Structure formats: C-alpha cells, structure tokens
Amino acid sequence: MRAKRSVLATLVVFSWLLLVATVTTWAGDLASVRQAIAAAGVSWTAGETSVSRLSPDEQARLCGGLAETVQGDVVTNLDALPADALPANYSWRDVNGKNFVTPVRNQQTCGSCFVFAPVAALESRLLRTYNRPGTDINLSEQIPLSCSGAGNCANGGYASTASTYLKTTGTARETCYPYTNTDGTCGTACANWQIAPYKTTNWSYANTTFPATAALLKTAVSTKGPVVARMVVYSDFYNYTGGVYTKVSGQNMGGHFVLVVGWDDRTSAFLVKNSWGTSWGESGYFWIAYSELASVDVRFGEWVYVYDGATGPMAGSVPADNSLLLR
C-alpha cells in the first residue's frame, strides 16, 4: 500500500512539474514575441489565444498548406487593375451594408486548411451568385478532405486539388458529413448528396510567382470575390490577437491557406479570414501588412486562387446584382 501511495505521489509531483514547465515555457515565448514586436515598432498585439498553448506538434499540424506546382490545365489570366481604379478600402463583409462572408470555421488540430479555405471561398461565391448576403451556407469540409485525395490531417495537402474537386464533384451541407478533425472515410457522407451538390463553376490562379503585388491581389478580391492565398506561418503568428501582422520572430511552422476578403490602404493591410476558430486573432480574422507579400519568410500571396461562379440548391434566391462588382 505504501509503495502504491509513493508511486501515486511521484506521479502527482511529476505532473505538476510538467505543468509548471509548460506554463513557464509558454509565458517565456509570449514575452519574447512581445519584445520582438516592441523592438520592430510594428502595430500588432500578442497574447494568449486558442492555439498559443498547443504543443509544437499540434501547432505545426495547423499548417497543412503544401507548396504547389502549377496544374497544366488551369490557366492564369488575371491582370492587375491600375491603382487609381481600385478603392482605398474594400471588404466583402460590408458591400453597401451587406455581408458576403460566412462565419469563421475551426479546423482544430488537423492540417486541413487546404480544404477549409477553398470551401470558404465557395460559400462566399454562392452568397454572391444567389444574392444571399448574411446567410450561413455551411458546407462540408469533411467531404473534400475525405474524398478528394488532396491531402490528409497529418501531412497537409493542396488547395488546387481540393478546388478541382469542388469544381468536378462539389460538396454538400455540413449536416451531410460534419467535420470530424480526422481524415475520415468518403463512404460516411450522407446518401445521394451528389445529386444536388454545391460546386464552383471554375477556378484559376491569380498568382503563382513570388512576390505577388498588392494591386494584383486587390484586383482578384474586388473582381472575383474572396480568394484563397497561401502564406508561411511563423510561431509568433499563434499569439496574434489584433492589429496589422508582420513577422517579427519565431520558427517556420509550415504553409497555410487562408481567405482574403478585403484590404485597407490606411493601414496598408489585407483583411483575412482564418480557420482557427473565433478565439484566435480578431474573432478569427487577421490583418496582414502589404509588406508581407515581399517577405522572403512569410511569402503571403505567393499562390492565389480565384473562383468563377457557383451552383447549388439555394431556396428562395435570386441572381446577384452585378453592381456589387467593380467591373
């Protein structure tokens, strides 16, 4: 009995020491990021977020955006508009008071950003196509994750392959195959969902080179709607709580796909929807400086994907007014 108590006491002490060490390490990391922000003189804040206390392995799994190679059958044909043809600020969350961006989702600890970002783009495109602002058309990310062959939770994947799947096959409502935070199996989806799927009409690259230009990304967002962009995440990004992000410290954690929904020239930043839930960043969003387009570390927008049209069962909808677009 004494031996058992001794073992139990040892385990309790060990667990306590491990917890103290973890908290101490996290606090030290946060302090280091804050010091780097102050030293750089940049305008973003760091704090505790829903992902800042994850283990390094769990944090790395949030970054499943694999570097692409251009698909030969997908064209790149977007030309940047002149600077004087673009507004100083723009947001698909507020187009004449109408919101064409669906709520922030949460990929949890699966490296599935390569499906979350394209599905988010499809959701926004549906709201535009059928003129349904403010509607939460919640589509299944699990279907393209389990069925498209674009990648998996452990190793990440390709937004191009996921986008092609959304074009050729599509997806269904979230209730058909709710997100599981695992690779799942394709056969688990509800029966006959492919009879009336939600699909993108087409997709293409807006940019496949480094660095991208602010004018090109603005043109893509304003004329095509919210667009998917790839970036490289550094460990300071997990502590982002607000302001205009520029990388100040940390290690390369991997590639990540996100949805660009707007910009503001007053702060020289793009507005971006993430897929880490609403307890990270600015309620799930972040601002990123135009300068990160040319950052050899972050490489924001090195790959940009645009979506042309969408189809799917949207009861009570009417065609969108083309005046919502700049051209």
C-alpha atoms as a PDB file:
ATOM      1  CA  MET A   1       0.000   0.000   0.000  1.00  0.00           C
ATOM      2  CA  ARG A   2       2.831   2.381   0.916  1.00  0.00           C
ATOM      3  CA  ALA A   3       4.528   1.590  -2.404  1.00  0.00           C
ATOM      4  CA  LYS A   4       1.359   2.441  -4.338  1.00  0.00           C
ATOM      5  CA  ARG A   5       0.993   5.722  -2.437  1.00  0.00           C
ATOM      6  CA  SER A   6       4.610   6.545  -3.139  1.00  0.00           C
ATOM      7  CA  VAL A   7       4.165   5.915  -6.862  1.00  0.00           C
ATOM      8  CA  LEU A   8       0.972   7.993  -6.901  1.00  0.00           C
ATOM      9  CA  ALA A   9       2.669  10.855  -5.080  1.00  0.00           C
ATOM     10  CA  THR A  10       5.581  10.724  -7.526  1.00  0.00           C
ATOM     11  CA  LEU A  11       3.202  10.882 -10.494  1.00  0.00           C
ATOM     12  CA  VAL A  12       1.351  13.846  -8.998  1.00  0.00           C
ATOM     13  CA  VAL A  13       4.592  15.740  -8.403  1.00  0.00           C
ATOM     14  CA  PHE A  14       5.851  14.904 -11.912  1.00  0.00           C
ATOM     15  CA  SER A  15       2.593  16.078 -13.500  1.00  0.00           C
ATOM     16  CA  TRP A  16       2.732  19.306 -11.511  1.00  0.00           C
ATOM     17  CA  LEU A  17       6.329  19.959 -12.515  1.00  0.00           C
ATOM     18  CA  LEU A  18       5.463  19.267 -16.169  1.00  0.00           C
ATOM     19  CA  LEU A  19       2.550  21.712 -15.992  1.00  0.00           C
ATOM     20  CA  VAL A  20       4.727  24.389 -14.402  1.00  0.00           C
ATOM     21  CA  ALA A  21       7.402  23.859 -17.057  1.00  0.00           C
ATOM     22  CA  THR A  22       4.828  24.110 -19.851  1.00  0.00           C
ATOM     23  CA  VAL A  23       3.285  27.314 -18.479  1.00  0.00           C
ATOM     24  CA  THR A  24       6.733  28.812 -17.907  1.00  0.00           C
ATOM     25  CA  THR A  25       7.784  27.986 -21.472  1.00  0.00           C
ATOM     26  CA  TRP A  26       4.589  29.475 -22.912  1.00  0.00           C
ATOM     27  CA  ALA A  27       4.948  32.646 -20.838  1.00  0.00           C
ATOM     28  CA  GLY A  28       8.551  32.976 -21.966  1.00  0.00           C
ATOM     29  CA  ASP A  29       7.577  32.543 -25.617  1.00  0.00           C
ATOM     30  CA  LEU A  30       4.856  35.204 -25.329  1.00  0.00           C
ATOM     31  CA  ALA A  31       7.219  37.633 -23.620  1.00  0.00           C
ATOM     32  CA  SER A  32       9.763  37.051 -26.376  1.00  0.00           C
ATOM     33  CA  VAL A  33       7.189  37.813 -29.080  1.00  0.00           C
ATOM     34  CA  ARG A  34       6.081  40.983 -27.302  1.00  0.00           C
ATOM     35  CA  GLN A  35       9.687  42.120 -27.007  1.00  0.00           C
ATOM     36  CA  ALA A  36      10.225  41.473 -30.721  1.00  0.00           C
ATOM     37  CA  ILE A  37       7.088  43.474 -31.590  1.00  0.00           C
ATOM     38  CA  ALA A  38       8.295  46.402 -29.499  1.00  0.00           C
ATOM     39  CA  ALA A  39      11.783  46.232 -30.990  1.00  0.00           C
ATOM     40  CA  ALA A  40      10.402  46.193 -34.544  1.00  0.00           C
ATOM     41  CA  GLY A  41       7.984  49.039 -33.839  1.00  0.00           C
ATOM     42  CA  VAL A  42       5.095  47.268 -35.578  1.00  0.00           C
ATOM     43  CA  SER A  43       1.394  47.604 -34.831  1.00  0.00           C
ATOM     44  CA  TRP A  44       0.087  44.249 -33.716  1.00  0.00           C
ATOM     45  CA  THR A  45      -0.584  42.728 -30.329  1.00  0.00           C
ATOM     46  CA  ALA A  46       0.321  39.309 -28.943  1.00  0.00           C
ATOM     47  CA  GLY A  47      -1.451  37.376 -26.208  1.00  0.00           C
ATOM     48  CA  GLU A  48      -2.962  34.062 -25.261  1.00  0.00           C
ATOM     49  CA  THR A  49      -5.132  32.547 -27.994  1.00  0.00           C
ATOM     50  CA  SER A  50      -6.914  29.258 -28.589  1.00  0.00           C
ATOM     51  CA  VAL A  51      -3.807  27.874 -30.319  1.00  0.00           C
ATOM     52  CA  SER A  52      -0.937  29.528 -28.453  1.00  0.00           C
ATOM     53  CA  ARG A  53      -0.723  26.811 -25.793  1.00  0.00           C
ATOM     54  CA  LEU A  54      -0.895  23.867 -28.158  1.00  0.00           C
ATOM     55  CA  SER A  55       2.187  21.684 -28.328  1.00  0.00           C
ATOM     56  CA  PRO A  56       4.645  22.464 -31.148  1.00  0.00           C
ATOM     57  CA  ASP A  57       3.485  19.321 -32.976  1.00  0.00           C
ATOM     58  CA  GLU A  58      -0.165  20.376 -32.693  1.00  0.00           C
ATOM     59  CA  GLN A  59       0.678  23.889 -33.848  1.00  0.00           C
ATOM     60  CA  ALA A  60       2.566  22.539 -36.846  1.00  0.00           C
ATOM     61  CA  ARG A  61      -0.470  20.451 -37.827  1.00  0.00           C
ATOM     62  CA  LEU A  62      -2.468  23.672 -38.196  1.00  0.00           C
ATOM     63  CA  CYS A  63      -0.227  24.488 -41.157  1.00  0.00           C
ATOM     64  CA  GLY A  64      -1.178  21.992 -43.838  1.00  0.00           C
ATOM     65  CA  GLY A  65      -0.765  24.206 -46.894  1.00  0.00           C
ATOM     66  CA  LEU A  66       1.673  22.366 -49.121  1.00  0.00           C
ATOM     67  CA  ALA A  67       3.670  24.277 -51.735  1.00  0.00           C
ATOM     68  CA  GLU A  68       2.133  23.879 -55.174  1.00  0.00           C
ATOM     69  CA  THR A  69       3.233  23.109 -58.683  1.00  0.00           C
ATOM     70  CA  VAL A  70       1.122  24.700 -61.406  1.00  0.00           C
ATOM     71  CA  GLN A  71      -1.554  22.404 -62.813  1.00  0.00           C
ATOM     72  CA  GLY A  72      -1.145  22.489 -66.578  1.00  0.00           C
ATOM     73  CA  ASP A  73      -4.870  22.589 -67.331  1.00  0.00           C
ATOM     74  CA  VAL A  74      -5.537  25.562 -65.034  1.00  0.00           C
ATOM     75  CA  VAL A  75      -4.985  28.998 -66.542  1.00  0.00           C
ATOM     76  CA  THR A  76      -3.528  32.132 -65.008  1.00  0.00           C
ATOM     77  CA  ASN A  77      -5.124  35.112 -66.699  1.00  0.00           C
ATOM     78  CA  LEU A  78      -5.736  37.918 -64.220  1.00  0.00           C
ATOM     79  CA  ASP A  79      -4.253  41.347 -64.923  1.00  0.00           C
ATOM     80  CA  ALA A  80      -3.927  43.917 -62.155  1.00  0.00           C
ATOM     81  CA  LEU A  81      -6.127  46.998 -62.394  1.00  0.00           C
ATOM     82  CA  PRO A  82      -4.433  50.422 -62.281  1.00  0.00           C
ATOM     83  CA  ALA A  83      -4.058  51.791 -58.766  1.00  0.00           C
ATOM     84  CA  ASP A  84      -6.495  54.650 -59.447  1.00  0.00           C
ATOM     85  CA  ALA A  85      -9.186  52.131 -60.428  1.00  0.00           C
ATOM     86  CA  LEU A  86      -9.090  50.451 -57.010  1.00  0.00           C
ATOM     87  CA  PRO A  87     -10.780  51.855 -53.891  1.00  0.00           C
ATOM     88  CA  ALA A  88      -8.717  52.754 -50.838  1.00  0.00           C
ATOM     89  CA  ASN A  89     -10.535  50.130 -48.797  1.00  0.00           C
ATOM     90  CA  TYR A  90     -12.807  47.215 -49.564  1.00  0.00           C
ATOM     91  CA  SER A  91     -14.392  44.339 -47.670  1.00  0.00           C
ATOM     92  CA  TRP A  92     -16.746  41.571 -48.697  1.00  0.00           C
ATOM     93  CA  ARG A  93     -18.081  41.690 -45.129  1.00  0.00           C
ATOM     94  CA  ASP A  94     -19.557  45.113 -45.907  1.00  0.00           C
ATOM     95  CA  VAL A  95     -20.598  45.709 -49.510  1.00  0.00           C
ATOM     96  CA  ASN A  96     -23.116  48.532 -49.213  1.00  0.00           C
ATOM     97  CA  GLY A  97     -24.024  47.135 -45.799  1.00  0.00           C
ATOM     98  CA  LYS A  98     -24.236  43.515 -46.993  1.00  0.00           C
ATOM     99  CA  ASN A  99     -22.040  40.655 -45.772  1.00  0.00           C
ATOM    100  CA  PHE A 100     -20.952  38.021 -48.295  1.00  0.00           C
ATOM    101  CA  VAL A 101     -18.592  36.138 -45.980  1.00  0.00           C
ATOM    102  CA  THR A 102     -19.756  33.151 -43.927  1.00  0.00           C
ATOM    103  CA  PRO A 103     -18.778  32.664 -40.253  1.00  0.00           C
ATOM    104  CA  VAL A 104     -15.272  31.610 -39.248  1.00  0.00           C
ATOM    105  CA  ARG A 105     -14.805  27.825 -39.014  1.00  0.00           C
ATOM    106  CA  ASN A 106     -12.344  25.768 -36.962  1.00  0.00           C
ATOM    107  CA  GLN A 107     -10.070  23.125 -38.494  1.00  0.00           C
ATOM    108  CA  GLN A 108      -8.988  22.155 -34.956  1.00  0.00           C
ATOM    109  CA  THR A 109      -5.759  20.090 -34.887  1.00  0.00           C
ATOM    110  CA  CYS A 110      -5.986  18.653 -38.407  1.00  0.00           C
ATOM    111  CA  GLY A 111      -3.848  20.147 -41.180  1.00  0.00           C
ATOM    112  CA  SER A 112      -6.937  20.687 -43.319  1.00  0.00           C
ATOM    113  CA  CYS A 113      -6.606  24.364 -44.266  1.00  0.00           C
ATOM    114  CA  PHE A 114      -6.247  23.161 -47.867  1.00  0.00           C
ATOM    115  CA  VAL A 115      -9.982  22.315 -47.857  1.00  0.00           C
ATOM    116  CA  PHE A 116     -11.237  24.913 -45.363  1.00  0.00           C
ATOM    117  CA  ALA A 117     -10.057  27.888 -47.429  1.00  0.00           C
ATOM    118  CA  PRO A 118     -11.488  26.690 -50.790  1.00  0.00           C
ATOM    119  CA  VAL A 119     -14.797  25.725 -49.139  1.00  0.00           C
ATOM    120  CA  ALA A 120     -14.957  29.178 -47.516  1.00  0.00           C
ATOM    121  CA  ALA A 121     -14.393  30.723 -50.958  1.00  0.00           C
ATOM    122  CA  LEU A 122     -17.192  28.575 -52.408  1.00  0.00           C
ATOM    123  CA  GLU A 123     -19.557  29.626 -49.612  1.00  0.00           C
ATOM    124  CA  SER A 124     -18.911  33.303 -50.332  1.00  0.00           C
ATOM    125  CA  ARG A 125     -19.270  32.749 -54.056  1.00  0.00           C
ATOM    126  CA  LEU A 126     -22.677  31.121 -53.500  1.00  0.00           C
ATOM    127  CA  LEU A 127     -23.856  34.110 -51.453  1.00  0.00           C
ATOM    128  CA  ARG A 128     -22.809  36.408 -54.278  1.00  0.00           C
ATOM    129  CA  THR A 129     -24.191  34.263 -57.113  1.00  0.00           C
ATOM    130  CA  TYR A 130     -27.620  33.908 -55.490  1.00  0.00           C
ATOM    131  CA  ASN A 131     -27.617  37.310 -53.743  1.00  0.00           C
ATOM    132  CA  ARG A 132     -27.965  35.881 -50.246  1.00  0.00           C
ATOM    133  CA  PRO A 133     -25.890  38.190 -48.032  1.00  0.00           C
ATOM    134  CA  GLY A 134     -25.797  37.333 -44.345  1.00  0.00           C
ATOM    135  CA  THR A 135     -26.702  33.681 -44.946  1.00  0.00           C
ATOM    136  CA  ASP A 136     -24.658  30.960 -43.256  1.00  0.00           C
ATOM    137  CA  ILE A 137     -24.489  28.438 -46.070  1.00  0.00           C
ATOM    138  CA  ASN A 138     -22.420  26.000 -44.003  1.00  0.00           C
ATOM    139  CA  LEU A 139     -20.810  23.486 -46.375  1.00  0.00           C
ATOM    140  CA  SER A 140     -18.971  20.282 -45.508  1.00  0.00           C
ATOM    141  CA  GLU A 141     -15.171  20.466 -45.429  1.00  0.00           C
ATOM    142  CA  GLN A 142     -15.074  16.804 -44.472  1.00  0.00           C
ATOM    143  CA  ILE A 143     -16.293  15.639 -47.890  1.00  0.00           C
ATOM    144  CA  PRO A 144     -13.362  17.117 -49.861  1.00  0.00           C
ATOM    145  CA  LEU A 145     -10.987  16.159 -47.034  1.00  0.00           C
ATOM    146  CA  SER A 146     -12.101  12.517 -47.122  1.00  0.00           C
ATOM    147  CA  CYS A 147     -12.899  12.162 -50.815  1.00  0.00           C
ATOM    148  CA  SER A 148     -10.749  14.461 -52.972  1.00  0.00           C
ATOM    149  CA  GLY A 149      -7.303  12.933 -52.496  1.00  0.00           C
ATOM    150  CA  ALA A 150      -5.959  16.455 -51.901  1.00  0.00           C
ATOM    151  CA  GLY A 151      -4.201  15.523 -48.663  1.00  0.00           C
ATOM    152  CA  ASN A 152      -4.705  14.487 -45.063  1.00  0.00           C
ATOM    153  CA  CYS A 153      -4.620  15.737 -41.485  1.00  0.00           C
ATOM    154  CA  ALA A 154      -1.082  14.635 -40.689  1.00  0.00           C
ATOM    155  CA  ASN A 155       0.720  15.884 -43.788  1.00  0.00           C
ATOM    156  CA  GLY A 156      -1.480  18.676 -45.157  1.00  0.00           C
ATOM    157  CA  GLY A 157      -2.471  18.997 -48.787  1.00  0.00           C
ATOM    158  CA  TYR A 158      -3.021  21.041 -51.938  1.00  0.00           C
ATOM    159  CA  ALA A 159      -5.670  23.733 -52.366  1.00  0.00           C
ATOM    160  CA  SER A 160      -5.502  23.202 -56.134  1.00  0.00           C
ATOM    161  CA  THR A 161      -6.598  19.564 -55.871  1.00  0.00           C
ATOM    162  CA  ALA A 162      -9.331  20.458 -53.396  1.00  0.00           C
ATOM    163  CA  SER A 163     -10.522  23.270 -55.699  1.00  0.00           C
ATOM    164  CA  THR A 164     -10.651  20.940 -58.682  1.00  0.00           C
ATOM    165  CA  TYR A 165     -12.737  18.516 -56.620  1.00  0.00           C
ATOM    166  CA  LEU A 166     -15.152  21.337 -55.736  1.00  0.00           C
ATOM    167  CA  LYS A 167     -15.437  22.048 -59.465  1.00  0.00           C
ATOM    168  CA  THR A 168     -15.892  18.492 -60.741  1.00  0.00           C
ATOM    169  CA  THR A 169     -17.736  16.890 -57.812  1.00  0.00           C
ATOM    170  CA  GLY A 170     -18.593  19.525 -55.230  1.00  0.00           C
ATOM    171  CA  THR A 171     -19.651  19.153 -51.634  1.00  0.00           C
ATOM    172  CA  ALA A 172     -22.815  19.120 -49.532  1.00  0.00           C
ATOM    173  CA  ARG A 173     -24.161  20.839 -46.435  1.00  0.00           C
ATOM    174  CA  GLU A 174     -22.225  20.392 -43.194  1.00  0.00           C
ATOM    175  CA  THR A 175     -25.012  18.191 -41.828  1.00  0.00           C
ATOM    176  CA  CYS A 176     -24.368  15.635 -44.587  1.00  0.00           C
ATOM    177  CA  TYR A 177     -20.876  14.930 -43.281  1.00  0.00           C
ATOM    178  CA  PRO A 178     -19.959  17.008 -40.210  1.00  0.00           C
ATOM    179  CA  TYR A 179     -16.312  17.793 -39.598  1.00  0.00           C
ATOM    180  CA  THR A 180     -14.512  15.123 -37.540  1.00  0.00           C
ATOM    181  CA  ASN A 181     -10.980  16.558 -37.138  1.00  0.00           C
ATOM    182  CA  THR A 182      -9.748  13.329 -38.770  1.00  0.00           C
ATOM    183  CA  ASP A 183      -9.188  12.114 -42.325  1.00  0.00           C
ATOM    184  CA  GLY A 184     -12.467  10.205 -42.195  1.00  0.00           C
ATOM    185  CA  THR A 185     -13.762   7.945 -44.942  1.00  0.00           C
ATOM    186  CA  CYS A 186     -15.591   9.016 -48.062  1.00  0.00           C
ATOM    187  CA  GLY A 187     -18.387   6.491 -47.627  1.00  0.00           C
ATOM    188  CA  THR A 188     -19.508   8.102 -44.369  1.00  0.00           C
ATOM    189  CA  ALA A 189     -21.149  11.046 -46.142  1.00  0.00           C
ATOM    190  CA  CYS A 190     -24.935  11.037 -46.386  1.00  0.00           C
ATOM    191  CA  ALA A 191     -26.505   9.086 -49.223  1.00  0.00           C
ATOM    192  CA  ASN A 192     -27.127  10.651 -52.646  1.00  0.00           C
ATOM    193  CA  TRP A 193     -25.570  14.020 -51.815  1.00  0.00           C
ATOM    194  CA  GLN A 194     -24.029  14.199 -55.299  1.00  0.00           C
ATOM    195  CA  ILE A 195     -27.491  14.527 -56.872  1.00  0.00           C
ATOM    196  CA  ALA A 196     -27.591  18.232 -55.945  1.00  0.00           C
ATOM    197  CA  PRO A 197     -24.096  19.288 -54.840  1.00  0.00           C
ATOM    198  CA  TYR A 198     -22.611  22.715 -54.245  1.00  0.00           C
ATOM    199  CA  LYS A 199     -19.908  23.372 -56.842  1.00  0.00           C
ATOM    200  CA  THR A 200     -17.664  26.108 -58.139  1.00  0.00           C
ATOM    201  CA  THR A 201     -18.104  26.733 -61.854  1.00  0.00           C
ATOM    202  CA  ASN A 202     -14.385  27.176 -62.377  1.00  0.00           C
ATOM    203  CA  TRP A 203     -11.206  28.206 -60.612  1.00  0.00           C
ATOM    204  CA  SER A 204      -7.881  29.599 -61.752  1.00  0.00           C
ATOM    205  CA  TYR A 205      -4.628  31.015 -60.445  1.00  0.00           C
ATOM    206  CA  ALA A 206      -4.370  34.759 -59.957  1.00  0.00           C
ATOM    207  CA  ASN A 207      -0.742  34.435 -58.998  1.00  0.00           C
ATOM    208  CA  THR A 208       1.883  31.681 -58.936  1.00  0.00           C
ATOM    209  CA  THR A 209       5.067  33.705 -58.513  1.00  0.00           C
ATOM    210  CA  PHE A 210       6.932  35.488 -55.751  1.00  0.00           C
ATOM    211  CA  PRO A 211       6.403  38.188 -54.821  1.00  0.00           C
ATOM    212  CA  ALA A 212       2.749  38.923 -55.532  1.00  0.00           C
ATOM    213  CA  THR A 213       1.749  42.572 -55.875  1.00  0.00           C
ATOM    214  CA  ALA A 214      -0.814  44.380 -53.766  1.00  0.00           C
ATOM    215  CA  ALA A 215      -2.547  45.619 -56.931  1.00  0.00           C
ATOM    216  CA  LEU A 216      -2.991  42.089 -58.269  1.00  0.00           C
ATOM    217  CA  LEU A 217      -4.367  40.736 -55.006  1.00  0.00           C
ATOM    218  CA  LYS A 218      -6.737  43.700 -54.665  1.00  0.00           C
ATOM    219  CA  THR A 219      -7.914  43.162 -58.240  1.00  0.00           C
ATOM    220  CA  ALA A 220      -8.579  39.485 -57.547  1.00  0.00           C
ATOM    221  CA  VAL A 221     -10.549  40.216 -54.372  1.00  0.00           C
ATOM    222  CA  SER A 222     -12.619  43.064 -55.811  1.00  0.00           C
ATOM    223  CA  THR A 223     -13.494  41.439 -59.149  1.00  0.00           C
ATOM    224  CA  LYS A 224     -13.661  37.746 -58.233  1.00  0.00           C
ATOM    225  CA  GLY A 225     -14.726  37.814 -54.591  1.00  0.00           C
ATOM    226  CA  PRO A 226     -12.866  36.388 -51.580  1.00  0.00           C
ATOM    227  CA  VAL A 227      -9.795  34.489 -52.776  1.00  0.00           C
ATOM    228  CA  VAL A 228      -7.605  31.750 -51.316  1.00  0.00           C
ATOM    229  CA  ALA A 229      -3.984  32.660 -50.621  1.00  0.00           C
ATOM    230  CA  ARG A 230      -1.033  30.704 -49.300  1.00  0.00           C
ATOM    231  CA  MET A 231       1.351  32.003 -46.659  1.00  0.00           C
ATOM    232  CA  VAL A 232       4.098  30.588 -44.458  1.00  0.00           C
ATOM    233  CA  VAL A 233       3.288  30.639 -40.744  1.00  0.00           C
ATOM    234  CA  TYR A 234       5.927  31.505 -38.159  1.00  0.00           C
ATOM    235  CA  SER A 235       5.479  30.682 -34.489  1.00  0.00           C
ATOM    236  CA  ASP A 236       4.824  34.301 -33.466  1.00  0.00           C
ATOM    237  CA  PHE A 237       1.593  34.162 -35.507  1.00  0.00           C
ATOM    238  CA  TYR A 238      -0.065  31.796 -32.992  1.00  0.00           C
ATOM    239  CA  ASN A 239      -0.052  34.648 -30.446  1.00  0.00           C
ATOM    240  CA  TYR A 240      -1.699  37.197 -32.766  1.00  0.00           C
ATOM    241  CA  THR A 241      -4.635  38.962 -31.082  1.00  0.00           C
ATOM    242  CA  GLY A 242      -5.063  42.055 -33.242  1.00  0.00           C
ATOM    243  CA  GLY A 243      -3.532  44.798 -35.364  1.00  0.00           C
ATOM    244  CA  VAL A 244      -1.551  44.542 -38.581  1.00  0.00           C
ATOM    245  CA  TYR A 245       0.620  41.436 -38.588  1.00  0.00           C
ATOM    246  CA  THR A 246       4.200  41.382 -39.776  1.00  0.00           C
ATOM    247  CA  LYS A 247       6.518  38.542 -38.847  1.00  0.00           C
ATOM    248  CA  VAL A 248       8.888  39.558 -36.044  1.00  0.00           C
ATOM    249  CA  SER A 249      10.242  36.300 -34.617  1.00  0.00           C
ATOM    250  CA  GLY A 250       9.870  32.551 -34.394  1.00  0.00           C
ATOM    251  CA  GLN A 251      10.445  29.482 -36.483  1.00  0.00           C
ATOM    252  CA  ASN A 252       8.901  28.336 -39.760  1.00  0.00           C
ATOM    253  CA  MET A 253       5.914  26.129 -38.878  1.00  0.00           C
ATOM    254  CA  GLY A 254       4.717  25.404 -42.418  1.00  0.00           C
ATOM    255  CA  GLY A 255       2.419  26.633 -45.168  1.00  0.00           C
ATOM    256  CA  HIS A 256      -1.160  27.711 -44.576  1.00  0.00           C
ATOM    257  CA  PHE A 257      -4.152  28.516 -46.823  1.00  0.00           C
ATOM    258  CA  VAL A 258      -6.442  31.393 -45.849  1.00  0.00           C
ATOM    259  CA  LEU A 259      -9.237  33.504 -47.383  1.00  0.00           C
ATOM    260  CA  VAL A 260      -8.536  37.136 -48.316  1.00  0.00           C
ATOM    261  CA  VAL A 261     -11.743  39.182 -48.048  1.00  0.00           C
ATOM    262  CA  GLY A 262     -10.613  42.815 -48.225  1.00  0.00           C
ATOM    263  CA  TRP A 263      -7.986  45.491 -47.657  1.00  0.00           C
ATOM    264  CA  ASP A 264      -7.424  48.973 -46.220  1.00  0.00           C
ATOM    265  CA  ASP A 265      -4.840  51.395 -47.608  1.00  0.00           C
ATOM    266  CA  ARG A 266      -4.954  53.466 -44.411  1.00  0.00           C
ATOM    267  CA  THR A 267      -3.146  50.652 -42.599  1.00  0.00           C
ATOM    268  CA  SER A 268      -1.584  49.114 -45.748  1.00  0.00           C
ATOM    269  CA  ALA A 269      -3.051  45.737 -44.897  1.00  0.00           C
ATOM    270  CA  PHE A 270      -5.239  42.930 -46.211  1.00  0.00           C
ATOM    271  CA  LEU A 271      -8.179  41.558 -44.197  1.00  0.00           C
ATOM    272  CA  VAL A 272      -8.048  37.764 -43.996  1.00  0.00           C
ATOM    273  CA  LYS A 273     -10.372  35.048 -42.691  1.00  0.00           C
ATOM    274  CA  ASN A 274      -8.572  32.213 -40.907  1.00  0.00           C
ATOM    275  CA  SER A 275      -9.843  28.737 -39.951  1.00  0.00           C
ATOM    276  CA  TRP A 276      -8.629  28.525 -36.343  1.00  0.00           C
ATOM    277  CA  GLY A 277     -11.942  29.434 -34.705  1.00  0.00           C
ATOM    278  CA  THR A 278     -13.128  32.757 -33.284  1.00  0.00           C
ATOM    279  CA  SER A 279     -10.935  32.643 -30.149  1.00  0.00           C
ATOM    280  CA  TRP A 280      -7.849  33.410 -32.223  1.00  0.00           C
ATOM    281  CA  GLY A 281      -6.984  36.787 -33.734  1.00  0.00           C
ATOM    282  CA  GLU A 282      -9.716  39.367 -34.254  1.00  0.00           C
ATOM    283  CA  SER A 283     -12.651  36.970 -33.837  1.00  0.00           C
ATOM    284  CA  GLY A 284     -10.986  34.585 -36.280  1.00  0.00           C
ATOM    285  CA  TYR A 285      -9.723  37.247 -38.721  1.00  0.00           C
ATOM    286  CA  PHE A 286      -6.381  38.963 -39.091  1.00  0.00           C
ATOM    287  CA  TRP A 287      -4.851  41.921 -40.869  1.00  0.00           C
ATOM    288  CA  ILE A 288      -1.560  41.362 -42.648  1.00  0.00           C
ATOM    289  CA  ALA A 289       0.726  44.097 -43.956  1.00  0.00           C
ATOM    290  CA  TYR A 290       1.186  44.596 -47.685  1.00  0.00           C
ATOM    291  CA  SER A 291       4.911  44.267 -46.982  1.00  0.00           C
ATOM    292  CA  GLU A 292       4.461  40.572 -46.204  1.00  0.00           C
ATOM    293  CA  LEU A 293       3.801  39.998 -49.912  1.00  0.00           C
ATOM    294  CA  ALA A 294       7.522  40.513 -50.460  1.00  0.00           C
ATOM    295  CA  SER A 295       8.668  38.904 -47.221  1.00  0.00           C
ATOM    296  CA  VAL A 296      11.090  36.083 -48.014  1.00  0.00           C
ATOM    297  CA  ASP A 297       9.800  34.407 -44.853  1.00  0.00           C
ATOM    298  CA  VAL A 298       6.003  34.777 -44.918  1.00  0.00           C
ATOM    299  CA  ARG A 299       5.633  34.941 -48.732  1.00  0.00           C
ATOM    300  CA  PHE A 300       1.987  35.973 -48.397  1.00  0.00           C
ATOM    301  CA  GLY A 301       0.030  35.513 -51.630  1.00  0.00           C
ATOM    302  CA  GLU A 302       2.727  33.579 -53.458  1.00  0.00           C
ATOM    303  CA  TRP A 303      -0.162  31.377 -54.583  1.00  0.00           C
ATOM    304  CA  VAL A 304      -3.619  32.920 -55.073  1.00  0.00           C
ATOM    305  CA  TYR A 305      -6.717  31.045 -56.265  1.00  0.00           C
ATOM    306  CA  VAL A 306      -9.849  32.703 -57.667  1.00  0.00           C
ATOM    307  CA  TYR A 307     -13.291  31.174 -58.174  1.00  0.00           C
ATOM    308  CA  ASP A 308     -15.672  31.945 -61.022  1.00  0.00           C
ATOM    309  CA  GLY A 309     -19.311  31.249 -60.293  1.00  0.00           C
ATOM    310  CA  ALA A 310     -21.054  28.649 -58.145  1.00  0.00           C
ATOM    311  CA  THR A 311     -24.065  26.377 -58.287  1.00  0.00           C
ATOM    312  CA  GLY A 312     -26.122  24.594 -55.666  1.00  0.00           C
ATOM    313  CA  PRO A 313     -29.577  24.404 -54.072  1.00  0.00           C
ATOM    314  CA  MET A 314     -30.266  27.844 -52.564  1.00  0.00           C
ATOM    315  CA  ALA A 315     -34.016  28.076 -51.956  1.00  0.00           C
ATOM    316  CA  GLY A 316     -35.651  31.448 -52.437  1.00  0.00           C
ATOM    317  CA  SER A 317     -32.646  33.014 -54.131  1.00  0.00           C
ATOM    318  CA  VAL A 318     -32.427  35.489 -56.972  1.00  0.00           C
ATOM    319  CA  PRO A 319     -29.485  36.289 -59.248  1.00  0.00           C
ATOM    320  CA  ALA A 320     -26.982  38.728 -57.796  1.00  0.00           C
ATOM    321  CA  ASP A 321     -26.837  42.347 -58.916  1.00  0.00           C
ATOM    322  CA  ASN A 322     -23.684  42.819 -60.985  1.00  0.00           C
ATOM    323  CA  SER A 323     -23.317  46.294 -59.493  1.00  0.00           C
ATOM    324  CA  LEU A 324     -21.774  44.561 -56.479  1.00  0.00           C
ATOM    325  CA  LEU A 325     -18.648  44.133 -58.575  1.00  0.00           C
ATOM    326  CA  LEU A 326     -16.238  46.846 -59.575  1.00  0.00           C
ATOM    327  CA  ARG A 327     -16.480  45.687 -63.146  1.00  0.00           C
END
